N, C-alpha and C. Protein backbone atom coordinates (compact mmCIF):
# COMPACT_ATOMS: atom_id res chain seq x y z
N MET A 1 7.85 7.45 -48.51
CA MET A 1 7.68 6.02 -48.41
C MET A 1 8.84 5.37 -47.66
N PHE A 2 10.07 5.92 -47.88
CA PHE A 2 11.21 5.36 -47.15
C PHE A 2 11.04 5.55 -45.65
N GLU A 3 10.47 6.69 -45.26
CA GLU A 3 10.27 6.96 -43.84
C GLU A 3 9.28 5.96 -43.25
N LYS A 4 8.18 5.72 -43.93
CA LYS A 4 7.19 4.77 -43.43
C LYS A 4 7.78 3.36 -43.33
N ALA A 5 8.48 2.95 -44.38
CA ALA A 5 9.05 1.60 -44.37
C ALA A 5 10.16 1.46 -43.35
N SER A 6 10.95 2.52 -43.14
CA SER A 6 12.03 2.43 -42.15
C SER A 6 11.48 2.37 -40.73
N LYS A 7 10.32 2.97 -40.51
CA LYS A 7 9.70 2.88 -39.18
C LYS A 7 9.20 1.46 -38.90
N LEU A 8 9.01 0.68 -39.98
CA LEU A 8 8.61 -0.72 -39.83
C LEU A 8 9.82 -1.65 -39.80
N ASP A 9 11.01 -1.08 -39.62
CA ASP A 9 12.27 -1.82 -39.53
C ASP A 9 12.61 -2.59 -40.80
N PHE A 10 12.29 -2.02 -41.95
CA PHE A 10 12.69 -2.61 -43.23
C PHE A 10 14.05 -2.04 -43.58
N ALA A 11 15.07 -2.88 -43.48
CA ALA A 11 16.46 -2.44 -43.57
C ALA A 11 16.81 -1.75 -44.89
N PRO A 12 16.40 -2.24 -46.06
CA PRO A 12 16.74 -1.51 -47.29
C PRO A 12 16.18 -0.09 -47.33
N ALA A 13 14.99 0.10 -46.76
CA ALA A 13 14.42 1.45 -46.70
C ALA A 13 15.21 2.33 -45.74
N MET A 14 15.70 1.74 -44.65
CA MET A 14 16.53 2.50 -43.72
C MET A 14 17.79 2.99 -44.40
N TYR A 15 18.41 2.09 -45.17
CA TYR A 15 19.62 2.50 -45.88
C TYR A 15 19.31 3.60 -46.88
N ASN A 16 18.25 3.42 -47.66
CA ASN A 16 17.90 4.43 -48.66
C ASN A 16 17.60 5.78 -48.02
N ARG A 17 16.92 5.77 -46.91
CA ARG A 17 16.63 7.03 -46.21
C ARG A 17 17.91 7.64 -45.65
N ALA A 18 18.79 6.81 -45.12
CA ALA A 18 20.06 7.31 -44.61
C ALA A 18 20.89 7.93 -45.72
N PHE A 19 20.88 7.30 -46.90
CA PHE A 19 21.62 7.85 -48.03
C PHE A 19 21.03 9.17 -48.50
N LEU A 20 19.70 9.27 -48.51
CA LEU A 20 19.07 10.54 -48.89
C LEU A 20 19.41 11.65 -47.89
N LEU A 21 19.42 11.33 -46.61
CA LEU A 21 19.81 12.32 -45.61
C LEU A 21 21.26 12.74 -45.79
N PHE A 22 22.11 11.78 -46.14
CA PHE A 22 23.51 12.08 -46.41
C PHE A 22 23.63 13.05 -47.58
N LYS A 23 22.89 12.81 -48.66
CA LYS A 23 22.93 13.70 -49.81
C LYS A 23 22.33 15.07 -49.49
N MET A 24 21.28 15.10 -48.67
CA MET A 24 20.65 16.37 -48.29
C MET A 24 21.58 17.21 -47.44
N SER A 25 22.48 16.57 -46.73
CA SER A 25 23.38 17.32 -45.84
C SER A 25 24.38 18.16 -46.63
N TRP A 26 24.59 17.85 -47.89
CA TRP A 26 25.54 18.63 -48.70
C TRP A 26 25.01 20.03 -49.00
N ASP A 27 23.69 20.16 -49.16
CA ASP A 27 23.12 21.41 -49.63
C ASP A 27 22.24 22.10 -48.60
N SER A 28 22.41 21.79 -47.36
CA SER A 28 21.49 22.31 -46.36
C SER A 28 22.23 23.01 -45.23
N SER A 29 21.53 23.96 -44.63
CA SER A 29 22.10 24.62 -43.46
C SER A 29 21.99 23.73 -42.22
N GLU A 30 21.12 22.72 -42.28
CA GLU A 30 20.94 21.78 -41.16
C GLU A 30 21.74 20.51 -41.40
N SER A 31 22.91 20.65 -41.99
CA SER A 31 23.68 19.48 -42.41
C SER A 31 24.07 18.58 -41.25
N GLU A 32 24.40 19.15 -40.12
CA GLU A 32 24.82 18.32 -38.98
C GLU A 32 23.67 17.44 -38.50
N GLU A 33 22.48 17.99 -38.45
CA GLU A 33 21.32 17.21 -38.02
C GLU A 33 21.03 16.07 -39.00
N PHE A 34 21.14 16.35 -40.30
CA PHE A 34 20.93 15.31 -41.30
C PHE A 34 21.97 14.21 -41.18
N LEU A 35 23.21 14.58 -40.93
CA LEU A 35 24.27 13.57 -40.79
C LEU A 35 24.04 12.67 -39.59
N PHE A 36 23.66 13.26 -38.46
CA PHE A 36 23.42 12.45 -37.27
C PHE A 36 22.21 11.53 -37.46
N ASP A 37 21.16 12.02 -38.14
CA ASP A 37 20.02 11.16 -38.43
C ASP A 37 20.42 10.02 -39.36
N SER A 38 21.26 10.33 -40.33
CA SER A 38 21.73 9.32 -41.27
C SER A 38 22.54 8.25 -40.55
N ILE A 39 23.43 8.66 -39.67
CA ILE A 39 24.26 7.70 -38.93
C ILE A 39 23.39 6.83 -38.02
N HIS A 40 22.41 7.43 -37.38
CA HIS A 40 21.52 6.65 -36.51
C HIS A 40 20.78 5.59 -37.32
N LEU A 41 20.25 5.97 -38.48
CA LEU A 41 19.55 5.00 -39.32
C LEU A 41 20.47 3.89 -39.80
N LEU A 42 21.70 4.25 -40.15
CA LEU A 42 22.64 3.23 -40.58
C LEU A 42 22.96 2.24 -39.47
N ARG A 43 23.11 2.74 -38.26
CA ARG A 43 23.39 1.84 -37.13
C ARG A 43 22.24 0.87 -36.89
N VAL A 44 21.03 1.39 -36.94
CA VAL A 44 19.86 0.52 -36.75
C VAL A 44 19.75 -0.48 -37.89
N CYS A 45 20.01 -0.01 -39.11
CA CYS A 45 19.96 -0.88 -40.28
C CYS A 45 20.98 -2.01 -40.16
N LEU A 46 22.19 -1.69 -39.79
CA LEU A 46 23.23 -2.71 -39.67
C LEU A 46 22.99 -3.63 -38.49
N ASP A 47 22.30 -3.15 -37.46
CA ASP A 47 21.94 -4.03 -36.34
C ASP A 47 20.86 -5.03 -36.75
N ASN A 48 19.93 -4.58 -37.60
CA ASN A 48 18.82 -5.44 -38.01
C ASN A 48 19.22 -6.48 -39.05
N CYS A 49 20.10 -6.10 -39.96
CA CYS A 49 20.53 -7.06 -40.97
C CYS A 49 21.95 -6.72 -41.40
N ASP A 50 22.61 -7.70 -41.93
CA ASP A 50 24.03 -7.53 -42.25
C ASP A 50 24.32 -7.77 -43.72
N TYR A 51 23.29 -7.74 -44.56
CA TYR A 51 23.49 -8.12 -45.95
C TYR A 51 23.38 -6.94 -46.93
N ILE A 52 23.50 -5.71 -46.45
CA ILE A 52 23.44 -4.54 -47.34
C ILE A 52 24.84 -3.94 -47.42
N PRO A 53 25.59 -4.30 -48.46
CA PRO A 53 26.98 -3.83 -48.55
C PRO A 53 27.10 -2.31 -48.68
N ASP A 54 26.10 -1.66 -49.30
CA ASP A 54 26.16 -0.21 -49.43
C ASP A 54 26.07 0.49 -48.07
N ALA A 55 25.35 -0.11 -47.14
CA ALA A 55 25.26 0.46 -45.80
C ALA A 55 26.62 0.38 -45.10
N HIS A 56 27.32 -0.72 -45.29
CA HIS A 56 28.68 -0.85 -44.73
C HIS A 56 29.61 0.18 -45.36
N PHE A 57 29.48 0.39 -46.66
CA PHE A 57 30.33 1.35 -47.35
C PHE A 57 30.09 2.77 -46.83
N LEU A 58 28.81 3.15 -46.68
CA LEU A 58 28.50 4.50 -46.21
C LEU A 58 28.97 4.70 -44.77
N MET A 59 28.80 3.69 -43.93
CA MET A 59 29.29 3.80 -42.55
C MET A 59 30.81 3.91 -42.53
N GLY A 60 31.47 3.16 -43.39
CA GLY A 60 32.92 3.27 -43.50
C GLY A 60 33.35 4.65 -43.95
N TYR A 61 32.58 5.25 -44.85
CA TYR A 61 32.87 6.61 -45.31
C TYR A 61 32.80 7.59 -44.14
N TYR A 62 31.77 7.43 -43.31
CA TYR A 62 31.63 8.30 -42.14
C TYR A 62 32.83 8.15 -41.20
N TYR A 63 33.24 6.92 -40.95
CA TYR A 63 34.39 6.68 -40.08
C TYR A 63 35.67 7.25 -40.68
N GLU A 64 35.84 7.08 -41.99
CA GLU A 64 37.03 7.58 -42.65
C GLU A 64 37.13 9.10 -42.57
N LYS A 65 35.99 9.78 -42.69
CA LYS A 65 35.96 11.24 -42.64
C LYS A 65 35.92 11.78 -41.21
N GLY A 66 35.75 10.88 -40.24
CA GLY A 66 35.74 11.31 -38.85
C GLY A 66 34.44 11.94 -38.42
N ILE A 67 33.35 11.54 -39.03
CA ILE A 67 32.04 12.12 -38.71
C ILE A 67 31.42 11.31 -37.58
């Protein structure tokens, strides 16, 4: 459902999907692909709306870790 809603540019769903991809990257052999997809969704989410503080936090985490 997050995927369908994020394709309709619903920002909270984009963040939720990005967070799930972030969590999936911990336990997967395709972790790099999941991280890049997560970052792309976060960028689109933050471009569409600026009122999701958790999206800012996750993007800051990526910058802090150098991802």
